[in-house]
């Protein structure tokens, strides 16, 4: 099973926001992530959870 990891830049592009917004989501606990070599990587499951949480808060 291949695991999919997204960079902050990729997530920013998906949502049409700046990378700094993605960093803010991570720092505020809205978007889960892991760190690899001191860089944020967002797992596909974290992105799916973020989508669900965002839709429930509308």
Foldseek 3Di string as FASTA:
>chain_A
DDWDKDALVRVCVVVVHDSVVSVVCPVVVLFDFDDDPNGTIGTPVSVVVSVVVVVVVD
